């Protein structure tokens, strides 16, 4: 298996004390992390979020997406429950990378939607791969989850890896005038399960 566990440490945050677990993916040369809280090795389903890296949303507070708001909401919900995990995967821009994401944003500035922009650059609408999750879930001892997502692909991916999804919890937050069209495109073209409030 190309994904190897490296080390863990405490991570104090505004939402409480998490444990941060590092994983190295030798095949992609990327590093992924898991933020966890509480005992995840029991049979009780764990509250889980699969979150793809979004530097612009998570760290630069961009309003073009709702990723940063979703990350913060997931941390808060886990802290309230006292038990759960966020799998933070280095798959910027739905798998196309940061610089290509900027190129896609440029095309969106000219009128393309998020799917059209990726396709104009020669990429698929969603290039993410979730296979690296299997050894990560095994290391964390998680077999059953309550999954915070609006994206049916994530449910299917976990089930194909042998992880039981006992419940899907809608994870809609962060809608604003700058990302409303983006979210509607995700619902209309990518099949995300959205009401009137957010993304994936």
C-alpha atoms as a PDB file:
ATOM      1  CA  UNK A   1       0.000   0.000   0.000  1.00  0.00           C
ATOM      2  CA  UNK A   2       1.467   3.361  -1.011  1.00  0.00           C
ATOM      3  CA  UNK A   3      -0.166   5.353   1.817  1.00  0.00           C
ATOM      4  CA  UNK A   4       1.777   5.063   5.071  1.00  0.00           C
ATOM      5  CA  UNK A   5       1.024   6.425   8.516  1.00  0.00           C
ATOM      6  CA  UNK A   6       3.786   8.744   9.753  1.00  0.00           C
ATOM      7  CA  UNK A   7       3.029  10.282  13.163  1.00  0.00           C
ATOM      8  CA  UNK A   8       0.378  11.904  15.378  1.00  0.00           C
ATOM      9  CA  UNK A   9       0.273  14.982  17.581  1.00  0.00           C
ATOM     10  CA  UNK A  10      -2.161  17.112  19.534  1.00  0.00           C
ATOM     11  CA  UNK A  11      -3.723  20.068  17.700  1.00  0.00           C
ATOM     12  CA  UNK A  12      -5.399  22.671  19.924  1.00  0.00           C
ATOM     13  CA  UNK A  13      -7.984  24.659  17.932  1.00  0.00           C
ATOM     14  CA  UNK A  14     -10.728  27.186  18.598  1.00  0.00           C
ATOM     15  CA  UNK A  15     -13.134  24.243  18.425  1.00  0.00           C
ATOM     16  CA  UNK A  16     -11.277  22.135  20.985  1.00  0.00           C
ATOM     17  CA  UNK A  17      -8.374  19.701  21.196  1.00  0.00           C
ATOM     18  CA  UNK A  18      -7.972  17.441  18.181  1.00  0.00           C
ATOM     19  CA  UNK A  19      -5.419  14.776  17.352  1.00  0.00           C
ATOM     20  CA  UNK A  20      -3.662  15.270  14.004  1.00  0.00           C
ATOM     21  CA  UNK A  21      -2.456  12.158  12.166  1.00  0.00           C
ATOM     22  CA  UNK A  22      -0.092  12.395   9.207  1.00  0.00           C
ATOM     23  CA  UNK A  23      -0.027  10.056   6.192  1.00  0.00           C
ATOM     24  CA  UNK A  24       2.402  10.015   3.267  1.00  0.00           C
ATOM     25  CA  UNK A  25       1.258   8.839  -0.167  1.00  0.00           C
ATOM     26  CA  UNK A  26       4.342   7.599  -1.972  1.00  0.00           C
ATOM     27  CA  UNK A  27       2.577   7.142  -5.302  1.00  0.00           C
ATOM     28  CA  UNK A  28       1.370  10.755  -5.555  1.00  0.00           C
ATOM     29  CA  UNK A  29       4.058  12.276  -3.303  1.00  0.00           C
ATOM     30  CA  UNK A  30       1.279  14.046  -1.405  1.00  0.00           C
ATOM     31  CA  UNK A  31       0.626  14.162   2.320  1.00  0.00           C
ATOM     32  CA  UNK A  32      -2.818  13.789   3.875  1.00  0.00           C
ATOM     33  CA  UNK A  33      -4.003  14.233   7.441  1.00  0.00           C
ATOM     34  CA  UNK A  34      -6.801  13.117   9.720  1.00  0.00           C
ATOM     35  CA  UNK A  35      -8.126  15.329  12.506  1.00  0.00           C
ATOM     36  CA  UNK A  36      -9.763  13.176  15.147  1.00  0.00           C
ATOM     37  CA  UNK A  37     -11.494  13.551  18.477  1.00  0.00           C
ATOM     38  CA  UNK A  38     -12.565  10.832  20.889  1.00  0.00           C
ATOM     39  CA  UNK A  39     -12.357   7.043  20.695  1.00  0.00           C
ATOM     40  CA  UNK A  40     -13.060   5.996  17.115  1.00  0.00           C
ATOM     41  CA  UNK A  41     -12.456   2.269  17.534  1.00  0.00           C
ATOM     42  CA  UNK A  42     -15.850   1.395  19.021  1.00  0.00           C
ATOM     43  CA  UNK A  43     -18.715  -0.102  16.982  1.00  0.00           C
ATOM     44  CA  UNK A  44     -20.666   3.155  17.241  1.00  0.00           C
ATOM     45  CA  UNK A  45     -20.625   4.980  13.873  1.00  0.00           C
ATOM     46  CA  UNK A  46     -18.192   7.897  13.881  1.00  0.00           C
ATOM     47  CA  UNK A  47     -19.130  11.358  12.629  1.00  0.00           C
ATOM     48  CA  UNK A  48     -16.874  11.826   9.582  1.00  0.00           C
ATOM     49  CA  UNK A  49     -16.147  14.456   6.950  1.00  0.00           C
ATOM     50  CA  UNK A  50     -14.090  13.723   3.806  1.00  0.00           C
ATOM     51  CA  UNK A  51     -12.657  17.141   2.928  1.00  0.00           C
ATOM     52  CA  UNK A  52     -10.537  17.910  -0.121  1.00  0.00           C
ATOM     53  CA  UNK A  53      -7.927  20.604   0.305  1.00  0.00           C
ATOM     54  CA  UNK A  54      -9.015  24.088  -0.780  1.00  0.00           C
ATOM     55  CA  UNK A  55      -6.271  26.603  -0.055  1.00  0.00           C
ATOM     56  CA  UNK A  56      -8.347  29.498  -1.356  1.00  0.00           C
ATOM     57  CA  UNK A  57     -11.360  28.615   0.805  1.00  0.00           C
ATOM     58  CA  UNK A  58      -9.769  26.958   3.828  1.00  0.00           C
ATOM     59  CA  UNK A  59      -6.868  29.391   4.353  1.00  0.00           C
ATOM     60  CA  UNK A  60      -7.576  32.502   2.269  1.00  0.00           C
ATOM     61  CA  UNK A  61     -11.285  32.761   3.164  1.00  0.00           C
ATOM     62  CA  UNK A  62     -12.479  32.860  -0.464  1.00  0.00           C
ATOM     63  CA  UNK A  63     -16.200  33.339  -1.021  1.00  0.00           C
ATOM     64  CA  UNK A  64     -16.084  31.675  -4.459  1.00  0.00           C
ATOM     65  CA  UNK A  65     -16.786  28.314  -2.769  1.00  0.00           C
ATOM     66  CA  UNK A  66     -18.093  27.139   0.584  1.00  0.00           C
ATOM     67  CA  UNK A  67     -15.154  24.883   1.451  1.00  0.00           C
ATOM     68  CA  UNK A  68     -13.784  26.937   4.330  1.00  0.00           C
ATOM     69  CA  UNK A  69     -17.211  27.213   5.916  1.00  0.00           C
ATOM     70  CA  UNK A  70     -17.712  23.466   5.532  1.00  0.00           C
ATOM     71  CA  UNK A  71     -14.374  22.673   7.179  1.00  0.00           C
ATOM     72  CA  UNK A  72     -15.124  24.921  10.142  1.00  0.00           C
ATOM     73  CA  UNK A  73     -18.650  23.534  10.452  1.00  0.00           C
ATOM     74  CA  UNK A  74     -17.343  19.956  10.439  1.00  0.00           C
ATOM     75  CA  UNK A  75     -14.828  20.738  13.184  1.00  0.00           C
ATOM     76  CA  UNK A  76     -17.580  22.369  15.235  1.00  0.00           C
ATOM     77  CA  UNK A  77     -20.012  19.480  14.798  1.00  0.00           C
ATOM     78  CA  UNK A  78     -17.370  16.943  15.815  1.00  0.00           C
ATOM     79  CA  UNK A  79     -16.416  19.030  18.843  1.00  0.00           C
ATOM     80  CA  UNK A  80     -20.060  19.235  19.931  1.00  0.00           C
ATOM     81  CA  UNK A  81     -20.450  15.477  19.548  1.00  0.00           C
ATOM     82  CA  UNK A  82     -17.074  14.864  21.176  1.00  0.00           C
ATOM     83  CA  UNK A  83     -16.166  12.140  18.696  1.00  0.00           C
ATOM     84  CA  UNK A  84     -15.382  12.036  14.997  1.00  0.00           C
ATOM     85  CA  UNK A  85     -12.807  12.634  12.281  1.00  0.00           C
ATOM     86  CA  UNK A  86     -12.035  14.846   9.305  1.00  0.00           C
ATOM     87  CA  UNK A  87     -10.031  13.218   6.508  1.00  0.00           C
ATOM     88  CA  UNK A  88      -8.210  16.124   4.857  1.00  0.00           C
ATOM     89  CA  UNK A  89      -7.054  15.066   1.408  1.00  0.00           C
ATOM     90  CA  UNK A  90      -4.571  17.018  -0.704  1.00  0.00           C
ATOM     91  CA  UNK A  91      -6.732  17.168  -3.828  1.00  0.00           C
ATOM     92  CA  UNK A  92      -6.896  20.884  -4.571  1.00  0.00           C
ATOM     93  CA  UNK A  93      -9.404  22.067  -7.145  1.00  0.00           C
ATOM     94  CA  UNK A  94     -11.283  18.720  -7.294  1.00  0.00           C
ATOM     95  CA  UNK A  95      -7.965  17.124  -8.236  1.00  0.00           C
ATOM     96  CA  UNK A  96      -6.533  19.566 -10.814  1.00  0.00           C
ATOM     97  CA  UNK A  97      -4.122  21.415  -8.502  1.00  0.00           C
ATOM     98  CA  UNK A  98      -3.836  24.998  -7.307  1.00  0.00           C
ATOM     99  CA  UNK A  99      -2.386  26.680 -10.400  1.00  0.00           C
ATOM    100  CA  UNK A 100      -4.878  24.970 -12.693  1.00  0.00           C
ATOM    101  CA  UNK A 101      -7.605  26.028 -10.299  1.00  0.00           C
ATOM    102  CA  UNK A 102      -6.527  29.641 -10.810  1.00  0.00           C
ATOM    103  CA  UNK A 103      -6.725  29.047 -14.567  1.00  0.00           C
ATOM    104  CA  UNK A 104     -10.218  27.639 -14.074  1.00  0.00           C
ATOM    105  CA  UNK A 105     -11.188  30.676 -12.001  1.00  0.00           C
ATOM    106  CA  UNK A 106      -9.997  32.903 -14.851  1.00  0.00           C
ATOM    107  CA  UNK A 107     -12.315  31.068 -17.244  1.00  0.00           C
ATOM    108  CA  UNK A 108     -15.133  31.412 -14.731  1.00  0.00           C
ATOM    109  CA  UNK A 109     -14.464  35.155 -14.587  1.00  0.00           C
ATOM    110  CA  UNK A 110     -15.195  35.145 -18.324  1.00  0.00           C
ATOM    111  CA  UNK A 111     -18.497  33.302 -17.915  1.00  0.00           C
ATOM    112  CA  UNK A 112     -17.763  29.551 -17.753  1.00  0.00           C
ATOM    113  CA  UNK A 113     -19.218  27.555 -14.883  1.00  0.00           C
ATOM    114  CA  UNK A 114     -17.005  25.373 -12.662  1.00  0.00           C
ATOM    115  CA  UNK A 115     -17.557  22.236 -14.776  1.00  0.00           C
ATOM    116  CA  UNK A 116     -17.099  23.998 -18.125  1.00  0.00           C
ATOM    117  CA  UNK A 117     -13.878  25.623 -16.893  1.00  0.00           C
ATOM    118  CA  UNK A 118     -12.336  22.285 -15.921  1.00  0.00           C
ATOM    119  CA  UNK A 119     -13.347  20.741 -19.231  1.00  0.00           C
ATOM    120  CA  UNK A 120     -11.962  23.676 -21.233  1.00  0.00           C
ATOM    121  CA  UNK A 121      -8.621  23.036 -19.509  1.00  0.00           C
ATOM    122  CA  UNK A 122      -8.746  19.375 -20.562  1.00  0.00           C
ATOM    123  CA  UNK A 123      -9.769  17.924 -17.197  1.00  0.00           C
ATOM    124  CA  UNK A 124     -12.786  16.002 -16.017  1.00  0.00           C
ATOM    125  CA  UNK A 125     -15.392  17.784 -13.914  1.00  0.00           C
ATOM    126  CA  UNK A 126     -14.153  15.971 -10.803  1.00  0.00           C
ATOM    127  CA  UNK A 127     -10.701  14.339 -10.837  1.00  0.00           C
ATOM    128  CA  UNK A 128     -10.615  13.278  -7.190  1.00  0.00           C
ATOM    129  CA  UNK A 129      -9.614   9.760  -6.146  1.00  0.00           C
ATOM    130  CA  UNK A 130     -10.603   8.335  -2.773  1.00  0.00           C
ATOM    131  CA  UNK A 131      -8.672   5.056  -2.824  1.00  0.00           C
ATOM    132  CA  UNK A 132      -6.061   6.411  -0.369  1.00  0.00           C
ATOM    133  CA  UNK A 133      -8.753   6.427   2.299  1.00  0.00           C
ATOM    134  CA  UNK A 134      -8.684   2.650   2.841  1.00  0.00           C
ATOM    135  CA  UNK A 135      -5.373   2.482   4.780  1.00  0.00           C
ATOM    136  CA  UNK A 136      -6.245   5.716   6.556  1.00  0.00           C
ATOM    137  CA  UNK A 137      -9.561   4.330   7.812  1.00  0.00           C
ATOM    138  CA  UNK A 138      -7.843   1.098   8.803  1.00  0.00           C
ATOM    139  CA  UNK A 139      -5.247   2.984  10.846  1.00  0.00           C
ATOM    140  CA  UNK A 140      -7.949   5.034  12.577  1.00  0.00           C
ATOM    141  CA  UNK A 141      -9.991   1.904  13.324  1.00  0.00           C
ATOM    142  CA  UNK A 142     -13.163   3.328  11.762  1.00  0.00           C
ATOM    143  CA  UNK A 143     -15.542   0.842  10.138  1.00  0.00           C
ATOM    144  CA  UNK A 144     -18.902   2.635  10.313  1.00  0.00           C
ATOM    145  CA  UNK A 145     -19.618   6.318   9.711  1.00  0.00           C
ATOM    146  CA  UNK A 146     -22.196   9.049   9.826  1.00  0.00           C
ATOM    147  CA  UNK A 147     -20.972  10.980   6.814  1.00  0.00           C
ATOM    148  CA  UNK A 148     -21.234  14.773   6.605  1.00  0.00           C
ATOM    149  CA  UNK A 149     -21.611  15.324   2.866  1.00  0.00           C
ATOM    150  CA  UNK A 150     -23.854  16.442   0.045  1.00  0.00           C
ATOM    151  CA  UNK A 151     -21.848  14.489  -2.546  1.00  0.00           C
ATOM    152  CA  UNK A 152     -23.167  11.003  -3.452  1.00  0.00           C
ATOM    153  CA  UNK A 153     -19.747  10.069  -4.936  1.00  0.00           C
ATOM    154  CA  UNK A 154     -18.225  10.144  -1.460  1.00  0.00           C
ATOM    155  CA  UNK A 155     -20.842   7.759  -0.118  1.00  0.00           C
ATOM    156  CA  UNK A 156     -20.248   5.375  -3.010  1.00  0.00           C
ATOM    157  CA  UNK A 157     -16.462   5.616  -2.629  1.00  0.00           C
ATOM    158  CA  UNK A 158     -16.566   4.688   1.051  1.00  0.00           C
ATOM    159  CA  UNK A 159     -18.974   1.815   0.471  1.00  0.00           C
ATOM    160  CA  UNK A 160     -16.679   0.455  -2.268  1.00  0.00           C
ATOM    161  CA  UNK A 161     -13.815   0.541   0.258  1.00  0.00           C
ATOM    162  CA  UNK A 162     -15.845  -1.522   2.727  1.00  0.00           C
ATOM    163  CA  UNK A 163     -16.788   1.360   5.030  1.00  0.00           C
ATOM    164  CA  UNK A 164     -20.410   1.238   6.150  1.00  0.00           C
ATOM    165  CA  UNK A 165     -22.211   4.577   5.780  1.00  0.00           C
ATOM    166  CA  UNK A 166     -25.015   4.311   8.312  1.00  0.00           C
ATOM    167  CA  UNK A 167     -26.278   7.832   7.740  1.00  0.00           C
ATOM    168  CA  UNK A 168     -25.735  10.816   5.453  1.00  0.00           C
ATOM    169  CA  UNK A 169     -25.867  14.123   7.257  1.00  0.00           C
ATOM    170  CA  UNK A 170     -26.463  17.147   5.024  1.00  0.00           C
ATOM    171  CA  UNK A 171     -23.565  19.582   5.254  1.00  0.00           C
ATOM    172  CA  UNK A 172     -24.820  22.833   3.772  1.00  0.00           C
ATOM    173  CA  UNK A 173     -23.243  26.083   4.884  1.00  0.00           C
ATOM    174  CA  UNK A 174     -21.497  29.116   3.502  1.00  0.00           C
ATOM    175  CA  UNK A 175     -23.794  30.083   0.609  1.00  0.00           C
ATOM    176  CA  UNK A 176     -23.265  33.690  -0.452  1.00  0.00           C
ATOM    177  CA  UNK A 177     -23.790  35.862  -3.572  1.00  0.00           C
ATOM    178  CA  UNK A 178     -20.322  34.968  -4.901  1.00  0.00           C
ATOM    179  CA  UNK A 179     -20.826  31.185  -4.887  1.00  0.00           C
ATOM    180  CA  UNK A 180     -24.557  30.767  -5.548  1.00  0.00           C
ATOM    181  CA  UNK A 181     -24.055  29.928  -9.254  1.00  0.00           C
ATOM    182  CA  UNK A 182     -21.174  27.575  -8.390  1.00  0.00           C
ATOM    183  CA  UNK A 183     -23.384  25.664  -5.963  1.00  0.00           C
ATOM    184  CA  UNK A 184     -26.241  25.456  -8.435  1.00  0.00           C
ATOM    185  CA  UNK A 185     -23.801  24.042 -11.013  1.00  0.00           C
ATOM    186  CA  UNK A 186     -22.703  21.398  -8.517  1.00  0.00           C
ATOM    187  CA  UNK A 187     -26.294  20.417  -7.926  1.00  0.00           C
ATOM    188  CA  UNK A 188     -27.303  20.474 -11.591  1.00  0.00           C
ATOM    189  CA  UNK A 189     -24.196  18.978 -13.230  1.00  0.00           C
ATOM    190  CA  UNK A 190     -22.469  16.983 -10.475  1.00  0.00           C
ATOM    191  CA  UNK A 191     -25.521  15.626  -8.691  1.00  0.00           C
ATOM    192  CA  UNK A 192     -24.833  17.130  -5.285  1.00  0.00           C
ATOM    193  CA  UNK A 193     -27.728  16.818  -2.854  1.00  0.00           C
ATOM    194  CA  UNK A 194     -28.397  20.463  -2.108  1.00  0.00           C
ATOM    195  CA  UNK A 195     -31.298  22.422  -0.787  1.00  0.00           C
ATOM    196  CA  UNK A 196     -30.751  26.138  -1.055  1.00  0.00           C
ATOM    197  CA  UNK A 197     -27.632  26.568   0.985  1.00  0.00           C
ATOM    198  CA  UNK A 198     -24.300  24.882   0.043  1.00  0.00           C
ATOM    199  CA  UNK A 199     -21.888  22.457  -1.645  1.00  0.00           C
ATOM    200  CA  UNK A 200     -20.145  19.151  -1.046  1.00  0.00           C
END
